[in-house]
Amino acid sequence: MHDIRLIRSNPDAFDAALARRGEGPRAQEILAIDESRRAKIKASEGAQAERNAASKLVGAAKASGDEAEFERLRALVASKKDEQAALEDAVKAEEARLTGLLEVLPNSPYDSVPDGADEADNVEINRWGNPRNFSFTPVEHFEVPAAAAGLDFETAAKISGSRFVVMKGAMVRLQRALAQFMLDTHITKHGLTETWVPVIVRDEAMYGTDKLPKFGEDSYQTTNGWWLIPTSEVPLTYTVAGDILSDADLPIRMTAHSQCFRSEAGSAGKDTTGMLRQHQFEKVEMVSITKPEDSDAELERMTKCAEGILEALDLPYRTVVLCTGDMGFGARRTHDIEVWLPGQNTYREISSCSTTGDFQARRMNARFRRADGKPEFVHTLNGSGLAVGRCLIAVVENYQQEDGSITIPAVLQRYMSDAQTISTDGQLI
């Protein structure tokens, strides 16, 4: 949510930031509603003051026997009570109008974020590793015999429809090994606190993390109104909703491995083959809660944590800053990490690390207090550390062998009974 005080102080800058996100000017409309709201608040306070003053005189008029004055004052008190109630209702209506407008406007990008329309305008800031030179033509993950033996899309379609998979044998173990390795690394090396969270949340949690009201169609809602989480960013971030933390408590750094659910409403016809874009998937998520002055450095730190997983797996990647046209609704700056997929001969997103500033904190009233100050809004950050299914794809494609087997990365072998290879028929050897 945007800070109305910043819009009042510099409406032109607010409109300029919206223009960079492809939005039209809104400051004038917002400030008109805000001015009307404030005027009604002032009028309501005036009516309350007049009512209070008249109430004090009612008893004196009654005691003096001045029946006419008594009746006049009593009528005035009733009139001001009705006037105040009407004004309070009008204030609530204006506040609802103002919130309804602000809650669907995207966050303001940092000045350092490149302008652009789509992913073609993203700017590369880091590249690590060299794509492997294969002595054969590499294929996509679902075409590698060792993987295909454990990926059953046909049965998944029978059970649930398209964009699901049933995994068996070594593929399940490889996915579980990846998730465990990510968690162990983030906990022991990066200092994140492992957290187990619900995957079903209330409206308030989705709203507080900017997933509602604008993006409800992207998620699944239960018949009783709860939501299946798109990522554990939602419950992790919402753990501090309504809190006033001590500055000594910050930063808070959490990680969670969870099932995630997305309707993929806007992706019809995209990545329909294989596991790249699924309705149900796993992620190891990172969330940080920081003081405002620390959030930029925290974004760099979080990005390095995600990159470190790929480096340990020896998977080539590149990191890009998303342009204004490709950046998510709540983000002020986003780093996407794209892993090399030789089967597609391109880089594909495997992690997205974003700082939202106080955008989410305002929506869920998450604050902290310095030792000598009043409460301030925290800054929130989130990032994939990593998308487990996409990392599985990357391992399968980058470690595929000419005979159709898959070499297991060295850092994962201890999670897989010290096996070094997945054979062409899907066995650990």
Protein backbone atom coordinates (compact mmCIF):
# COMPACT_ATOMS: atom_id res chain seq x y z
CA MET A 1 0.00 0.00 0.00
CA HIS A 2 1.23 3.48 -0.80
CA ASP A 3 1.89 6.14 1.84
CA ILE A 4 -0.74 8.86 1.34
CA ARG A 5 1.59 11.41 2.94
CA LEU A 6 4.17 10.89 0.22
CA ILE A 7 1.49 11.34 -2.44
CA ARG A 8 0.38 14.60 -0.78
CA SER A 9 3.95 15.89 -0.56
CA ASN A 10 4.94 15.08 -4.15
CA PRO A 11 2.05 14.04 -6.40
CA ASP A 12 4.09 14.56 -9.57
CA ALA A 13 6.73 12.08 -8.39
CA PHE A 14 4.00 9.56 -7.56
CA ASP A 15 2.48 9.85 -11.04
CA ALA A 16 5.93 9.61 -12.61
CA ALA A 17 6.59 6.36 -10.70
CA LEU A 18 3.23 4.97 -11.85
CA ALA A 19 4.02 5.92 -15.44
CA ARG A 20 7.18 3.82 -15.23
CA ARG A 21 4.93 0.86 -14.30
CA GLY A 22 2.61 1.49 -17.26
CA GLU A 23 -0.10 3.16 -15.18
CA GLY A 24 -1.84 6.45 -15.90
CA PRO A 25 -1.78 9.44 -13.52
CA ARG A 26 -3.77 8.89 -10.33
CA ALA A 27 -2.50 11.46 -7.84
CA GLN A 28 -5.19 14.05 -8.60
CA GLU A 29 -8.00 11.52 -8.09
CA ILE A 30 -6.40 10.14 -4.92
CA LEU A 31 -5.85 13.60 -3.42
CA ALA A 32 -9.41 14.68 -4.22
CA ILE A 33 -10.78 11.70 -2.28
CA ASP A 34 -8.26 12.30 0.49
CA GLU A 35 -9.22 15.98 0.74
CA SER A 36 -12.93 15.10 0.89
CA ARG A 37 -12.21 12.48 3.54
CA ARG A 38 -10.22 14.90 5.67
CA ALA A 39 -12.87 17.61 5.35
CA LYS A 40 -15.53 15.17 6.56
CA ILE A 41 -13.33 14.11 9.47
CA LYS A 42 -12.95 17.77 10.46
CA ALA A 43 -16.70 18.35 10.15
CA SER A 44 -17.38 15.23 12.23
CA GLU A 45 -15.03 16.47 14.93
CA GLY A 46 -16.78 19.84 14.85
CA ALA A 47 -20.19 18.20 15.25
CA GLN A 48 -18.81 16.16 18.16
CA ALA A 49 -17.49 19.31 19.84
CA GLU A 50 -20.83 21.11 19.43
CA ARG A 51 -22.68 18.09 20.75
CA ASN A 52 -20.41 17.89 23.79
CA ALA A 53 -20.79 21.60 24.49
CA ALA A 54 -24.58 21.46 24.22
CA SER A 55 -24.71 18.34 26.41
CA LYS A 56 -22.97 20.21 29.23
CA LEU A 57 -25.61 22.96 29.13
CA VAL A 58 -28.65 20.67 29.09
CA GLY A 59 -28.51 19.94 32.81
CA ALA A 60 -28.10 23.61 33.71
CA ALA A 61 -31.11 24.61 31.59
CA LYS A 62 -33.22 21.90 33.25
CA ALA A 63 -32.13 22.96 36.72
CA SER A 64 -32.94 26.63 36.02
CA GLY A 65 -36.43 25.76 34.85
CA ASP A 66 -35.86 27.22 31.38
CA GLU A 67 -37.92 24.59 29.56
CA ALA A 68 -37.58 26.26 26.16
CA GLU A 69 -33.78 26.36 26.40
CA PHE A 70 -33.76 22.79 27.68
CA GLU A 71 -35.75 21.57 24.68
CA ARG A 72 -33.60 23.59 22.27
CA LEU A 73 -30.39 22.16 23.67
CA ARG A 74 -31.76 18.63 23.75
CA ALA A 75 -32.80 18.92 20.09
CA LEU A 76 -29.39 20.32 19.24
CA VAL A 77 -27.65 17.39 20.93
CA ALA A 78 -29.82 14.93 18.97
CA SER A 79 -29.24 16.82 15.74
CA LYS A 80 -25.47 16.88 16.20
CA LYS A 81 -25.48 13.19 17.09
CA ASP A 82 -27.26 12.40 13.81
CA GLU A 83 -24.96 14.76 11.91
CA GLN A 84 -21.87 13.15 13.41
CA ALA A 85 -23.10 9.63 12.60
CA ALA A 86 -23.81 10.64 8.99
CA LEU A 87 -20.37 12.22 8.68
CA GLU A 88 -18.67 9.15 10.16
CA ASP A 89 -20.45 6.98 7.60
CA ALA A 90 -19.33 9.37 4.88
CA VAL A 91 -15.72 9.18 6.16
CA LYS A 92 -15.85 5.37 6.04
CA ALA A 93 -17.18 5.52 2.49
CA GLU A 94 -14.37 7.87 1.41
CA GLU A 95 -11.78 5.69 3.16
CA ALA A 96 -13.13 2.65 1.31
CA ARG A 97 -12.88 4.57 -2.00
CA LEU A 98 -9.34 5.63 -1.20
CA THR A 99 -8.24 2.14 -0.14
CA GLY A 100 -9.94 0.60 -3.16
CA LEU A 101 -7.91 2.83 -5.44
CA LEU A 102 -4.57 2.50 -3.63
CA GLU A 103 -4.69 -1.27 -3.17
CA VAL A 104 -4.68 -2.00 -6.91
CA LEU A 105 -1.80 0.35 -7.78
CA PRO A 106 1.66 -1.27 -8.09
CA ASN A 107 4.58 -0.36 -5.90
CA SER A 108 6.90 2.46 -6.95
CA PRO A 109 10.14 1.17 -8.53
CA TYR A 110 13.53 2.29 -7.28
CA ASP A 111 15.25 4.87 -9.46
CA SER A 112 17.91 2.22 -10.20
CA VAL A 113 15.37 -0.12 -11.82
CA PRO A 114 15.70 -0.02 -15.62
CA ASP A 115 12.74 1.17 -17.64
CA GLY A 116 11.28 -1.32 -20.08
CA ALA A 117 8.21 -3.07 -21.38
CA ASP A 118 8.95 -6.76 -20.84
CA GLU A 119 11.66 -9.38 -20.17
CA ALA A 120 13.59 -8.28 -23.26
CA ASP A 121 14.46 -5.08 -21.38
CA ASN A 122 15.84 -6.77 -18.25
CA VAL A 123 19.50 -6.02 -17.49
CA GLU A 124 22.05 -8.73 -16.71
CA ILE A 125 24.17 -7.98 -13.63
CA ASN A 126 25.92 -11.30 -13.05
CA ARG A 127 26.82 -14.50 -14.89
CA TRP A 128 28.39 -17.61 -13.38
CA GLY A 129 29.64 -20.84 -14.89
CA ASN A 130 29.96 -22.00 -18.47
CA PRO A 131 27.37 -24.17 -20.19
CA ARG A 132 28.67 -27.70 -20.66
CA ASN A 133 29.91 -28.73 -24.08
CA PHE A 134 28.01 -31.91 -24.84
CA SER A 135 29.38 -34.54 -27.25
CA PHE A 136 25.76 -35.24 -28.18
CA THR A 137 22.62 -33.18 -28.59
CA PRO A 138 21.11 -32.63 -25.11
CA VAL A 139 17.36 -33.08 -24.72
CA GLU A 140 14.76 -31.63 -22.40
CA HIS A 141 14.23 -33.14 -18.95
CA PHE A 142 11.17 -35.22 -19.85
CA GLU A 143 13.07 -36.77 -22.78
CA VAL A 144 16.03 -37.98 -20.72
CA PRO A 145 15.42 -41.73 -20.25
CA ALA A 146 16.56 -41.79 -16.60
CA ALA A 147 14.12 -39.02 -15.76
CA ALA A 148 11.30 -40.21 -18.00
CA ALA A 149 11.27 -43.48 -16.07
CA GLY A 150 10.11 -41.57 -12.98
CA LEU A 151 7.92 -38.82 -14.49
CA ASP A 152 4.36 -39.89 -15.23
CA PHE A 153 2.34 -37.09 -16.79
CA GLU A 154 -0.35 -39.38 -18.18
CA THR A 155 -1.38 -40.74 -14.80
CA ALA A 156 -1.26 -37.24 -13.30
CA ALA A 157 -3.63 -36.03 -16.03
CA LYS A 158 -5.99 -38.88 -15.21
CA ILE A 159 -5.97 -37.87 -11.56
CA SER A 160 -5.91 -34.07 -11.76
CA GLY A 161 -5.70 -32.82 -15.34
CA SER A 162 -2.92 -30.99 -17.16
CA ARG A 163 0.10 -29.33 -15.51
CA PHE A 164 0.56 -32.02 -12.87
CA VAL A 165 3.04 -34.88 -12.57
CA VAL A 166 3.29 -38.15 -10.68
CA MET A 167 6.92 -38.79 -9.72
CA LYS A 168 8.35 -42.15 -8.79
CA GLY A 169 11.55 -43.70 -7.56
CA ALA A 170 14.80 -41.86 -8.12
CA MET A 171 13.08 -38.70 -9.36
CA VAL A 172 11.23 -38.28 -6.07
CA ARG A 173 14.43 -38.89 -4.14
CA LEU A 174 16.29 -36.38 -6.29
CA GLN A 175 13.65 -33.74 -5.67
CA ARG A 176 13.65 -34.46 -1.94
CA ALA A 177 17.45 -34.34 -1.90
CA LEU A 178 17.42 -30.94 -3.59
CA ALA A 179 14.96 -29.51 -1.07
CA GLN A 180 16.91 -30.92 1.86
CA PHE A 181 20.19 -29.59 0.50
CA MET A 182 18.69 -26.13 0.02
CA LEU A 183 17.30 -26.05 3.55
CA ASP A 184 20.51 -27.33 5.12
CA THR A 185 22.54 -24.73 3.24
CA HIS A 186 20.26 -21.82 4.15
CA ILE A 187 20.13 -22.88 7.80
CA THR A 188 23.77 -23.76 8.47
CA LYS A 189 25.60 -21.49 6.02
CA HIS A 190 23.28 -18.52 5.52
CA GLY A 191 21.80 -18.25 9.01
CA LEU A 192 18.12 -18.48 8.11
CA THR A 193 15.63 -19.91 10.58
CA GLU A 194 13.72 -22.93 9.27
CA THR A 195 9.99 -22.38 9.68
CA TRP A 196 7.03 -24.67 9.05
CA VAL A 197 3.91 -22.81 7.94
CA PRO A 198 0.33 -23.61 6.84
CA VAL A 199 -0.34 -23.84 3.11
CA ILE A 200 -3.95 -22.71 3.59
CA VAL A 201 -4.38 -19.07 4.61
CA ARG A 202 -7.09 -16.50 5.18
CA ASP A 203 -7.95 -13.46 3.07
CA GLU A 204 -5.99 -11.21 5.42
CA ALA A 205 -2.72 -13.02 4.76
CA MET A 206 -3.18 -12.88 0.99
CA TYR A 207 -4.17 -9.22 1.15
CA GLY A 208 -1.31 -8.30 3.47
CA THR A 209 1.23 -9.77 1.05
CA ASP A 210 -0.36 -7.94 -1.96
CA LYS A 211 -1.87 -11.06 -3.59
CA LEU A 212 -5.43 -9.71 -3.15
CA PRO A 213 -7.57 -8.19 -4.46
CA LYS A 214 -5.89 -7.84 -7.84
CA PHE A 215 -4.51 -11.34 -8.35
CA GLY A 216 -7.15 -13.61 -6.88
CA GLU A 217 -7.54 -15.47 -10.17
CA ASP A 218 -3.91 -16.58 -9.99
CA SER A 219 -4.54 -18.63 -6.83
CA TYR A 220 -6.87 -21.39 -5.72
CA GLN A 221 -9.62 -20.65 -3.18
CA THR A 222 -11.38 -23.28 -1.10
CA THR A 223 -15.16 -23.43 -0.84
CA ASN A 224 -15.03 -21.95 2.67
CA GLY A 225 -12.98 -18.96 1.52
CA TRP A 226 -9.43 -19.95 2.45
CA TRP A 227 -6.60 -19.82 -0.09
CA LEU A 228 -3.91 -22.30 -1.12
CA ILE A 229 -0.63 -20.41 -0.96
CA PRO A 230 1.15 -19.41 -4.18
CA THR A 231 4.41 -19.57 -2.20
CA SER A 232 5.29 -19.63 1.50
CA GLU A 233 6.16 -15.94 1.17
CA VAL A 234 2.52 -15.39 2.19
CA PRO A 235 2.47 -17.13 5.61
CA LEU A 236 6.12 -16.36 6.39
CA THR A 237 5.71 -12.62 5.83
CA TYR A 238 2.35 -12.52 7.57
CA THR A 239 3.86 -13.91 10.79
CA VAL A 240 4.69 -10.30 11.76
CA ALA A 241 1.31 -8.80 10.80
CA GLY A 242 0.02 -6.40 13.44
CA ASP A 243 3.24 -6.65 15.46
CA ILE A 244 5.45 -3.89 16.83
CA LEU A 245 8.89 -5.46 16.92
CA SER A 246 11.95 -4.21 18.72
CA ASP A 247 14.74 -2.98 16.48
CA ALA A 248 16.91 -5.54 18.29
CA ASP A 249 14.69 -8.27 16.79
CA LEU A 250 15.66 -7.28 13.25
CA PRO A 251 16.58 -8.60 10.81
CA ILE A 252 14.35 -11.67 10.89
CA ARG A 253 15.44 -14.21 8.29
CA MET A 254 13.26 -17.26 7.63
CA THR A 255 13.19 -20.15 5.20
CA ALA A 256 10.51 -22.74 4.53
CA HIS A 257 10.01 -25.69 2.22
CA SER A 258 6.40 -26.03 1.13
CA GLN A 259 3.98 -27.15 -1.50
CA CYS A 260 2.80 -24.21 -3.61
CA PHE A 261 -0.25 -23.79 -5.81
CA ARG A 262 -0.92 -21.51 -8.77
CA SER A 263 -3.74 -21.52 -11.27
CA GLU A 264 -1.43 -20.20 -14.03
CA ALA A 265 -4.47 -18.30 -15.29
CA GLY A 266 -2.47 -16.16 -17.68
CA SER A 267 -0.19 -18.86 -19.08
CA ALA A 268 -2.46 -20.75 -21.47
CA GLY A 269 -0.35 -22.50 -24.08
CA LYS A 270 2.98 -21.67 -22.39
CA ASP A 271 5.34 -24.44 -21.23
CA THR A 272 2.66 -27.10 -21.39
CA THR A 273 5.12 -29.97 -21.80
CA GLY A 274 7.09 -31.26 -18.86
CA MET A 275 7.42 -29.83 -15.36
CA LEU A 276 8.41 -26.22 -16.01
CA ARG A 277 5.01 -24.65 -15.28
CA GLN A 278 2.87 -26.69 -12.89
CA HIS A 279 -0.24 -26.02 -10.83
CA GLN A 280 1.34 -27.75 -7.81
CA PHE A 281 5.05 -27.45 -7.10
CA GLU A 282 7.62 -27.15 -4.32
CA LYS A 283 9.76 -24.21 -3.32
CA VAL A 284 12.25 -23.39 -0.63
CA GLU A 285 11.37 -19.80 0.16
CA MET A 286 13.36 -17.07 1.90
CA VAL A 287 11.74 -14.11 3.69
CA SER A 288 13.46 -11.26 5.51
CA ILE A 289 12.00 -8.57 7.76
CA THR A 290 14.36 -5.61 8.15
CA LYS A 291 14.73 -2.00 9.16
CA PRO A 292 14.28 0.39 6.21
CA GLU A 293 17.95 1.34 6.01
CA ASP A 294 19.00 -2.32 5.75
CA SER A 295 16.68 -3.62 3.04
CA ASP A 296 18.86 -2.80 0.03
CA ALA A 297 21.81 -4.71 1.48
CA GLU A 298 19.43 -7.52 2.45
CA LEU A 299 18.31 -7.89 -1.17
CA GLU A 300 21.93 -8.34 -2.21
CA ARG A 301 22.45 -10.88 0.57
CA MET A 302 19.32 -12.82 -0.34
CA THR A 303 20.34 -12.92 -3.99
CA LYS A 304 23.74 -14.31 -3.02
CA CYS A 305 22.07 -17.01 -0.90
CA ALA A 306 20.04 -18.18 -3.91
CA GLU A 307 23.01 -17.97 -6.28
CA GLY A 308 25.08 -20.01 -3.83
CA ILE A 309 22.76 -23.00 -4.19
CA LEU A 310 23.29 -23.07 -7.95
CA GLU A 311 27.04 -22.66 -7.57
CA ALA A 312 27.20 -25.59 -5.14
CA LEU A 313 25.28 -27.66 -7.71
CA ASP A 314 27.62 -26.41 -10.46
CA LEU A 315 24.70 -25.14 -12.55
CA PRO A 316 25.46 -22.18 -14.83
CA TYR A 317 23.21 -19.19 -14.28
CA ARG A 318 22.80 -15.50 -14.90
CA THR A 319 21.19 -12.83 -12.70
CA VAL A 320 19.14 -9.98 -14.14
CA VAL A 321 17.46 -6.87 -12.74
CA LEU A 322 13.86 -6.85 -13.88
CA CYS A 323 12.75 -3.77 -15.78
CA THR A 324 9.69 -1.79 -14.72
CA GLY A 325 7.43 -3.63 -17.17
CA ASP A 326 8.44 -7.11 -16.00
CA MET A 327 8.56 -6.50 -12.27
CA GLY A 328 5.96 -7.94 -9.90
CA PHE A 329 3.13 -5.85 -8.47
CA GLY A 330 4.53 -5.42 -4.97
CA ALA A 331 8.23 -5.13 -5.78
CA ARG A 332 10.44 -2.06 -5.73
CA ARG A 333 13.40 -3.97 -7.19
CA THR A 334 13.70 -7.60 -8.28
CA HIS A 335 16.64 -9.83 -9.13
CA ASP A 336 15.73 -12.86 -11.23
CA ILE A 337 18.19 -15.74 -11.34
CA GLU A 338 17.99 -17.79 -14.51
CA VAL A 339 19.54 -21.24 -14.73
CA TRP A 340 20.94 -22.68 -17.95
CA LEU A 341 18.78 -25.42 -19.48
CA PRO A 342 20.70 -27.15 -22.27
CA GLY A 343 17.62 -29.01 -23.47
CA GLN A 344 16.03 -25.65 -24.30
CA ASN A 345 19.36 -23.98 -25.08
CA THR A 346 18.42 -20.98 -22.96
CA TYR A 347 18.32 -19.55 -19.44
CA ARG A 348 15.05 -19.92 -17.49
CA GLU A 349 13.99 -18.32 -14.22
CA ILE A 350 14.64 -20.40 -11.12
CA SER A 351 14.57 -17.69 -8.44
CA SER A 352 13.11 -14.24 -7.99
CA CYS A 353 14.35 -12.08 -5.10
CA SER A 354 12.47 -8.86 -4.36
CA THR A 355 12.34 -6.02 -1.90
CA THR A 356 8.90 -4.48 -1.39
CA GLY A 357 10.00 -1.66 0.92
CA ASP A 358 7.13 -0.91 3.31
CA PHE A 359 4.46 -1.75 0.69
CA GLN A 360 3.40 -5.02 2.33
CA ALA A 361 4.06 -3.78 5.86
CA ARG A 362 1.50 -0.99 5.46
CA ARG A 363 -1.12 -3.45 4.28
CA MET A 364 -0.60 -5.71 7.30
CA ASN A 365 0.47 -3.03 9.83
CA ALA A 366 3.85 -4.62 10.61
CA ARG A 367 6.07 -2.20 12.51
CA PHE A 368 9.12 -1.92 14.74
CA ARG A 369 10.24 0.56 17.37
CA ARG A 370 13.71 1.95 17.80
CA ALA A 371 14.99 2.42 21.34
CA ASP A 372 14.17 6.13 21.34
CA GLY A 373 11.45 6.46 18.73
CA LYS A 374 7.88 5.81 17.70
CA PRO A 375 6.78 2.79 15.64
CA GLU A 376 7.90 2.64 12.00
CA PHE A 377 6.95 0.24 9.24
CA VAL A 378 9.37 -2.62 8.60
CA HIS A 379 10.61 -3.53 5.13
CA THR A 380 9.87 -7.00 3.76
CA LEU A 381 11.79 -9.08 1.22
CA ASN A 382 11.15 -12.47 -0.35
CA GLY A 383 13.04 -14.78 -2.65
CA SER A 384 13.11 -18.33 -3.99
CA GLY A 385 15.92 -20.33 -2.60
CA LEU A 386 15.11 -22.19 -4.96
CA ALA A 387 12.14 -23.44 -6.96
CA VAL A 388 12.69 -27.16 -6.32
CA GLY A 389 11.01 -28.54 -9.43
CA ARG A 390 12.86 -26.19 -11.74
CA CYS A 391 16.10 -27.08 -10.01
CA LEU A 392 15.29 -30.74 -10.64
CA ILE A 393 14.84 -29.91 -14.32
CA ALA A 394 18.18 -28.10 -14.37
CA VAL A 395 20.02 -31.01 -12.73
CA VAL A 396 18.47 -33.55 -15.11
CA GLU A 397 19.34 -31.53 -18.21
CA ASN A 398 22.81 -30.39 -17.20
CA TYR A 399 23.88 -33.78 -15.80
CA GLN A 400 22.37 -35.98 -18.54
CA GLN A 401 24.74 -38.48 -20.19
CA GLU A 402 24.84 -39.75 -23.75
CA ASP A 403 23.44 -43.16 -22.74
CA GLY A 404 20.40 -41.51 -21.14
CA SER A 405 21.56 -41.79 -17.53
CA ILE A 406 21.98 -38.87 -15.12
CA THR A 407 25.02 -38.18 -12.97
CA ILE A 408 24.02 -37.11 -9.45
CA PRO A 409 25.75 -33.87 -8.34
CA ALA A 410 28.36 -34.51 -5.67
CA VAL A 411 26.63 -32.36 -3.01
CA LEU A 412 23.44 -34.41 -3.35
CA GLN A 413 24.90 -37.90 -3.19
CA ARG A 414 24.84 -38.10 0.61
CA TYR A 415 21.07 -37.53 0.48
CA MET A 416 20.67 -40.38 -2.00
CA SER A 417 22.39 -43.31 -0.27
CA ASP A 418 25.71 -42.24 -1.81
CA ALA A 419 24.50 -43.18 -5.29
CA GLN A 420 26.35 -41.47 -8.10
CA THR A 421 24.09 -42.16 -11.06
CA ILE A 422 20.46 -42.61 -12.03
CA SER A 423 20.39 -45.34 -14.66
CA THR A 424 18.39 -45.23 -17.86
CA ASP A 425 15.67 -47.32 -16.22
CA GLY A 426 15.45 -44.93 -13.23
CA GLN A 427 17.51 -46.88 -10.70
CA LEU A 428 20.09 -45.48 -8.28
CA ILE A 429 23.53 -46.97 -8.85
